[in-house]
Amino acid sequence: MDKYNNRETIKNTTFWSTFFDRTKDGKKVFSYRMKRWILVIAIHLLFFLSFHIDIQTLEGTLNGSRFLGFHLIDIFTTMELFLATFELPINMIIGTVTILIFYLLVGGRSYCSWVCPYGILSEIGEKIHNTLVNKKIIKERKFDHRVRHIFWAIFLVLSFTTGYLVFETLNVVGILSRMIAYGWSLALLWVVVVFAFEVFYSRRAWCTYICPIGTTYGYIGKVSALRVEWNDNCDHCMVCHDVCFENQVLEITKAKYDKQREEKGITREYITGADCTLCGRCIDVCHVDALKFDFRLKNLV
């Protein structure tokens, strides 16, 4: 991409060009999308190698694992297990607290874009979906993103009432994580069904409307330290809205708030929406450098 000379909207940009960016002086660098994909692949390569050649670095899956001996447990999995059994082993408590502290620092839904293996598939599906929409082969279908909170509650209630981790039978993230680490199973067919639904019916439906894991990390992300910061270099071109996975979080970038900000002397604001995945796509395409990652923890200190 060359954001300083082009409007890098989805329609104007090829998928593969989004893995590279150009600085103001023309230097070619990795985009945040490339960095995210490298990290996701590296994490799951460690899962694979730890099991298959016993390097004992990152053992387990995204539901529960050990990194160099330290327990790491997915927060939603812990909630499900407690509601299903009313028991929490000490290792799960330690692993959950470790994950909680980590994502309070680096941003809750960063899990979705920097760790989750289905995120890569969903981005590929998004590109195919957008191409089909542009060619008028299918229609764009959107729903209220707040429905994810209903699914979050439903899956927890099902754990409580059945004593079984119901969500884990449908969890495409867990299915992919187990498949990468231990080998494929027929559950992969369910992943194909969800992927096809996103391609042909509703863009990124699993991540946007259903997945309670992302919703849980979103609750944490609301108060986490690492955020995207907006500044008044912004010319309100709205390209960031075009590429954002969850563009409702970029509401503050709209021109209608300029007068209010001017009256209050505001030149910088943090994007604090719980749905922000910290994917960096908005930063990749901003031609006036009005967006960047920043630790708001420093302001508290």
Protein backbone atom coordinates (compact mmCIF):
# COMPACT_ATOMS: atom_id res chain seq x y z
CA MET A 1 0.00 0.00 0.00
CA ASP A 2 1.02 3.59 -0.55
CA LYS A 3 -1.33 5.50 1.74
CA TYR A 4 0.42 8.85 1.25
CA ASN A 5 -0.44 8.86 -2.45
CA ASN A 6 -3.59 6.71 -2.64
CA ARG A 7 -6.89 6.27 -0.86
CA GLU A 8 -6.39 2.73 0.40
CA THR A 9 -10.02 1.69 0.55
CA ILE A 10 -10.99 -1.96 0.21
CA LYS A 11 -12.15 -1.40 -3.39
CA ASN A 12 -8.98 0.44 -4.38
CA THR A 13 -6.51 -1.96 -2.77
CA THR A 14 -5.58 -5.52 -3.64
CA PHE A 15 -5.57 -8.01 -0.78
CA TRP A 16 -1.88 -8.90 -1.06
CA SER A 17 -0.75 -5.27 -1.16
CA THR A 18 -2.17 -4.82 2.36
CA PHE A 19 0.72 -6.86 3.77
CA PHE A 20 3.16 -4.06 2.97
CA ASP A 21 3.14 -0.33 3.52
CA ARG A 22 5.27 2.58 2.37
CA THR A 23 6.64 5.29 4.63
CA LYS A 24 6.64 8.96 3.64
CA ASP A 25 10.13 8.59 2.23
CA GLY A 26 9.05 5.61 0.11
CA LYS A 27 10.58 2.83 2.20
CA LYS A 28 8.69 -0.48 1.99
CA VAL A 29 7.80 -1.93 5.40
CA PHE A 30 5.56 -4.64 6.85
CA SER A 31 2.01 -3.47 7.53
CA TYR A 32 0.22 -4.31 10.76
CA ARG A 33 -1.69 -7.00 8.87
CA MET A 34 1.60 -8.71 7.97
CA LYS A 35 2.83 -8.44 11.57
CA ARG A 36 -0.41 -9.90 12.88
CA TRP A 37 -0.36 -12.85 10.48
CA ILE A 38 3.28 -13.59 11.33
CA LEU A 39 2.46 -13.63 15.05
CA VAL A 40 -0.65 -15.82 14.66
CA ILE A 41 1.24 -18.31 12.49
CA ALA A 42 4.22 -18.31 14.90
CA ILE A 43 1.99 -18.99 17.92
CA HIS A 44 0.31 -21.96 16.28
CA LEU A 45 3.55 -23.26 14.86
CA LEU A 46 4.78 -23.42 18.46
CA PHE A 47 1.64 -25.36 19.44
CA PHE A 48 2.28 -27.77 16.57
CA LEU A 49 6.00 -28.25 17.25
CA SER A 50 5.53 -28.57 21.01
CA PHE A 51 3.24 -31.55 20.47
CA HIS A 52 4.80 -33.24 17.45
CA ILE A 53 8.51 -32.93 18.27
CA ASP A 54 8.15 -32.24 21.99
CA ILE A 55 9.98 -28.89 22.18
CA GLN A 56 7.83 -28.11 25.25
CA THR A 57 7.57 -24.38 24.54
CA LEU A 58 3.86 -23.72 24.03
CA GLU A 59 1.89 -26.83 24.93
CA GLY A 60 -1.87 -27.28 24.59
CA THR A 61 -4.36 -25.15 22.67
CA LEU A 62 -5.90 -21.70 22.98
CA ASN A 63 -8.41 -23.03 25.53
CA GLY A 64 -5.65 -23.98 27.92
CA SER A 65 -1.89 -24.13 27.52
CA ARG A 66 1.49 -23.81 29.16
CA PHE A 67 4.13 -21.40 27.88
CA LEU A 68 7.57 -22.32 29.23
CA GLY A 69 5.79 -23.91 32.19
CA PHE A 70 3.43 -20.98 32.89
CA HIS A 71 -0.27 -21.86 32.75
CA LEU A 72 -2.46 -19.86 30.36
CA ILE A 73 -6.24 -20.39 30.39
CA ASP A 74 -8.84 -18.70 28.22
CA ILE A 75 -11.09 -16.55 30.38
CA PHE A 76 -14.39 -17.60 28.78
CA THR A 77 -13.42 -21.27 29.09
CA THR A 78 -12.84 -20.73 32.81
CA MET A 79 -16.26 -19.09 33.17
CA GLU A 80 -17.92 -21.97 31.34
CA LEU A 81 -16.17 -24.58 33.46
CA PHE A 82 -17.03 -22.90 36.74
CA LEU A 83 -20.71 -22.56 35.81
CA ALA A 84 -20.81 -26.18 34.65
CA THR A 85 -18.97 -27.79 37.61
CA PHE A 86 -18.73 -25.11 40.35
CA GLU A 87 -15.06 -26.05 40.65
CA LEU A 88 -11.87 -24.22 39.67
CA PRO A 89 -8.53 -26.00 40.00
CA ILE A 90 -5.69 -23.80 41.20
CA ASN A 91 -3.87 -24.14 37.86
CA MET A 92 -6.90 -22.70 36.06
CA ILE A 93 -7.08 -19.78 38.49
CA ILE A 94 -3.39 -19.00 37.98
CA GLY A 95 -3.65 -19.33 34.20
CA THR A 96 -6.77 -17.19 33.99
CA VAL A 97 -5.32 -14.42 36.16
CA THR A 98 -2.16 -14.42 34.03
CA ILE A 99 -4.19 -13.99 30.84
CA LEU A 100 -6.38 -11.35 32.47
CA ILE A 101 -3.38 -9.23 33.49
CA PHE A 102 -1.78 -9.63 30.05
CA TYR A 103 -4.86 -8.46 28.15
CA LEU A 104 -5.50 -5.62 30.58
CA LEU A 105 -2.14 -4.31 29.41
CA VAL A 106 -2.11 -5.09 25.71
CA GLY A 107 -5.82 -4.67 24.92
CA GLY A 108 -8.61 -7.17 25.26
CA ARG A 109 -9.75 -7.91 21.72
CA SER A 110 -6.19 -7.89 20.44
CA TYR A 111 -6.70 -11.64 21.02
CA CYS A 112 -9.04 -11.65 18.03
CA SER A 113 -6.62 -10.12 15.55
CA TRP A 114 -3.19 -11.08 16.96
CA VAL A 115 -3.79 -14.61 18.34
CA CYS A 116 -6.97 -16.25 16.99
CA PRO A 117 -6.32 -18.59 14.01
CA TYR A 118 -9.85 -18.16 12.69
CA GLY A 119 -9.12 -14.45 12.33
CA ILE A 120 -6.88 -15.19 9.35
CA LEU A 121 -9.56 -17.31 7.70
CA SER A 122 -12.14 -14.64 8.40
CA GLU A 123 -10.00 -11.96 6.74
CA ILE A 124 -9.65 -14.14 3.64
CA GLY A 125 -13.39 -14.77 3.69
CA GLU A 126 -14.01 -11.04 4.06
CA LYS A 127 -12.05 -10.32 0.89
CA ILE A 128 -13.96 -12.96 -1.09
CA HIS A 129 -17.26 -11.66 0.34
CA ASN A 130 -16.47 -8.06 -0.61
CA THR A 131 -15.51 -9.14 -4.13
CA LEU A 132 -18.82 -10.98 -4.56
CA VAL A 133 -20.74 -7.97 -3.21
CA ASN A 134 -18.95 -5.59 -5.59
CA LYS A 135 -19.79 -7.87 -8.51
CA LYS A 136 -23.41 -7.93 -7.29
CA ILE A 137 -23.39 -11.71 -7.02
CA ILE A 138 -24.53 -11.53 -3.39
CA LYS A 139 -25.94 -8.84 -1.11
CA GLU A 140 -24.27 -7.28 1.92
CA ARG A 141 -26.12 -8.33 5.08
CA LYS A 142 -25.48 -6.68 8.43
CA PHE A 143 -27.06 -7.15 11.82
CA ASP A 144 -26.90 -5.31 15.12
CA HIS A 145 -23.44 -6.06 16.53
CA ARG A 146 -24.85 -5.93 20.06
CA VAL A 147 -26.43 -9.35 19.51
CA ARG A 148 -23.04 -10.78 20.55
CA HIS A 149 -23.90 -9.97 24.16
CA ILE A 150 -26.99 -12.16 23.90
CA PHE A 151 -24.96 -15.08 22.53
CA TRP A 152 -22.40 -14.54 25.32
CA ALA A 153 -25.13 -14.87 27.96
CA ILE A 154 -26.82 -17.83 26.22
CA PHE A 155 -23.64 -19.93 26.15
CA LEU A 156 -22.95 -19.24 29.83
CA VAL A 157 -26.52 -20.13 30.77
CA LEU A 158 -26.23 -23.36 28.79
CA SER A 159 -23.07 -24.29 30.73
CA PHE A 160 -24.90 -23.62 33.99
CA THR A 161 -28.07 -25.54 33.11
CA THR A 162 -26.52 -28.53 31.33
CA GLY A 163 -23.25 -28.98 33.22
CA TYR A 164 -21.58 -29.19 29.82
CA LEU A 165 -19.38 -26.79 27.85
CA VAL A 166 -21.90 -26.43 25.04
CA PHE A 167 -20.06 -23.64 23.27
CA GLU A 168 -16.93 -25.75 22.85
CA THR A 169 -18.78 -28.08 20.47
CA LEU A 170 -19.37 -25.06 18.19
CA ASN A 171 -16.24 -23.07 18.88
CA VAL A 172 -14.43 -22.68 15.54
CA VAL A 173 -11.45 -21.12 17.33
CA GLY A 174 -11.01 -24.16 19.58
CA ILE A 175 -11.60 -26.57 16.70
CA LEU A 176 -8.89 -24.91 14.59
CA SER A 177 -6.50 -24.66 17.52
CA ARG A 178 -6.87 -28.38 18.30
CA MET A 179 -6.58 -29.29 14.62
CA ILE A 180 -3.32 -27.36 14.25
CA ALA A 181 -1.82 -28.86 17.40
CA TYR A 182 -3.07 -32.45 17.23
CA GLY A 183 -4.46 -33.11 13.75
CA TRP A 184 -7.72 -32.67 11.91
CA SER A 185 -11.13 -34.13 12.79
CA LEU A 186 -14.63 -34.10 11.29
CA ALA A 187 -15.32 -30.97 13.37
CA LEU A 188 -13.42 -29.15 10.62
CA LEU A 189 -16.62 -29.43 8.56
CA TRP A 190 -18.29 -27.02 10.98
CA VAL A 191 -15.47 -24.51 10.41
CA VAL A 192 -16.10 -24.82 6.66
CA VAL A 193 -19.82 -24.16 7.20
CA VAL A 194 -19.14 -21.01 9.25
CA PHE A 195 -16.56 -19.80 6.73
CA ALA A 196 -19.02 -20.34 3.85
CA PHE A 197 -21.71 -18.42 5.75
CA GLU A 198 -19.33 -15.46 6.09
CA VAL A 199 -18.33 -15.59 2.43
CA PHE A 200 -21.80 -15.90 0.94
CA TYR A 201 -24.11 -14.32 3.49
CA SER A 202 -22.70 -11.98 6.16
CA ARG A 203 -19.15 -10.60 6.37
CA ARG A 204 -17.19 -11.75 9.46
CA ALA A 205 -20.40 -12.99 11.08
CA TRP A 206 -18.73 -15.28 13.63
CA CYS A 207 -16.39 -12.62 15.00
CA THR A 208 -18.87 -9.75 14.83
CA TYR A 209 -22.09 -11.32 16.05
CA ILE A 210 -21.49 -14.68 17.76
CA CYS A 211 -18.11 -15.45 19.31
CA PRO A 212 -18.34 -15.06 23.12
CA ILE A 213 -14.55 -15.32 23.43
CA GLY A 214 -14.10 -12.04 21.58
CA THR A 215 -16.96 -10.50 23.57
CA THR A 216 -15.24 -11.44 26.84
CA TYR A 217 -11.95 -9.91 25.74
CA GLY A 218 -13.90 -6.87 24.59
CA TYR A 219 -15.14 -6.30 28.14
CA ILE A 220 -11.52 -6.34 29.28
CA GLY A 221 -10.45 -4.14 26.38
CA LYS A 222 -12.73 -1.36 27.54
CA VAL A 223 -10.30 -0.59 30.37
CA SER A 224 -7.04 -1.96 28.92
CA ALA A 225 -3.90 0.16 28.63
CA LEU A 226 -3.00 -0.17 24.95
CA ARG A 227 -5.37 1.77 22.70
CA VAL A 228 -5.48 3.48 19.31
CA GLU A 229 -5.09 7.23 19.73
CA TRP A 230 -6.71 9.76 17.38
CA ASN A 231 -5.32 13.26 16.86
CA ASP A 232 -6.55 16.36 15.07
CA ASN A 233 -4.41 15.77 11.98
CA CYS A 234 -7.49 13.86 10.85
CA ASP A 235 -9.14 15.23 7.69
CA HIS A 236 -12.16 12.91 8.06
CA CYS A 237 -11.53 11.05 4.80
CA MET A 238 -13.25 8.00 6.37
CA VAL A 239 -10.89 5.47 4.81
CA CYS A 240 -10.31 4.04 8.29
CA HIS A 241 -14.05 3.33 8.54
CA ASP A 242 -13.94 1.52 5.22
CA VAL A 243 -11.26 -0.98 6.31
CA CYS A 244 -12.13 -1.38 10.00
CA PHE A 245 -13.42 -4.76 11.21
CA GLU A 246 -15.69 -2.98 13.73
CA ASN A 247 -16.06 0.54 12.37
CA GLN A 248 -18.52 1.64 15.05
CA VAL A 249 -15.50 2.09 17.32
CA LEU A 250 -14.20 4.87 15.05
CA GLU A 251 -17.17 7.15 15.72
CA ILE A 252 -14.91 9.87 17.14
CA THR A 253 -13.15 10.28 13.79
CA LYS A 254 -16.26 11.85 12.24
CA ALA A 255 -16.26 15.56 11.40
CA LYS A 256 -19.49 16.20 13.34
CA TYR A 257 -17.54 16.18 16.61
CA ASP A 258 -15.01 18.85 15.56
CA LYS A 259 -16.93 21.81 16.96
CA GLN A 260 -17.41 20.09 20.31
CA ARG A 261 -13.71 19.20 20.45
CA GLU A 262 -12.67 22.72 19.51
CA GLU A 263 -14.79 24.19 22.30
CA LYS A 264 -13.16 21.85 24.83
CA GLY A 265 -9.66 22.20 23.42
CA ILE A 266 -9.39 18.48 22.66
CA THR A 267 -6.68 17.58 20.14
CA ARG A 268 -6.21 13.91 21.04
CA GLU A 269 -8.61 11.14 22.04
CA TYR A 270 -8.37 7.42 22.69
CA ILE A 271 -10.60 5.03 20.79
CA THR A 272 -12.06 3.19 23.75
CA GLY A 273 -14.80 1.10 22.15
CA ALA A 274 -14.88 -2.42 23.56
CA ASP A 275 -15.18 -3.87 20.04
CA CYS A 276 -11.81 -2.54 18.83
CA THR A 277 -9.53 -5.47 17.96
CA LEU A 278 -6.38 -3.33 17.78
CA CYS A 279 -5.73 -4.83 14.35
CA GLY A 280 -3.99 -1.68 13.13
CA ARG A 281 -5.82 -1.54 9.81
CA CYS A 282 -6.91 2.03 10.47
CA ILE A 283 -3.30 3.03 11.17
CA ASP A 284 -2.09 1.27 8.02
CA VAL A 285 -4.36 3.35 5.77
CA CYS A 286 -4.29 6.77 7.49
CA HIS A 287 -2.51 9.16 5.12
CA VAL A 288 -2.23 11.99 7.68
CA ASP A 289 -0.94 9.86 10.56
CA ALA A 290 -3.93 10.78 12.71
CA LEU A 291 -4.04 7.33 14.31
CA LYS A 292 -1.41 5.42 16.26
CA PHE A 293 -1.04 2.88 19.06
CA ASP A 294 -0.43 4.38 22.49
CA PHE A 295 -0.28 3.21 26.11
CA ARG A 296 -2.78 5.31 28.00
CA LEU A 297 -1.34 3.82 31.19
CA LYS A 298 1.36 6.49 31.08
CA ASN A 299 -1.29 9.19 31.54
CA LEU A 300 -2.54 7.48 34.70
CA VAL A 301 1.01 7.21 36.03
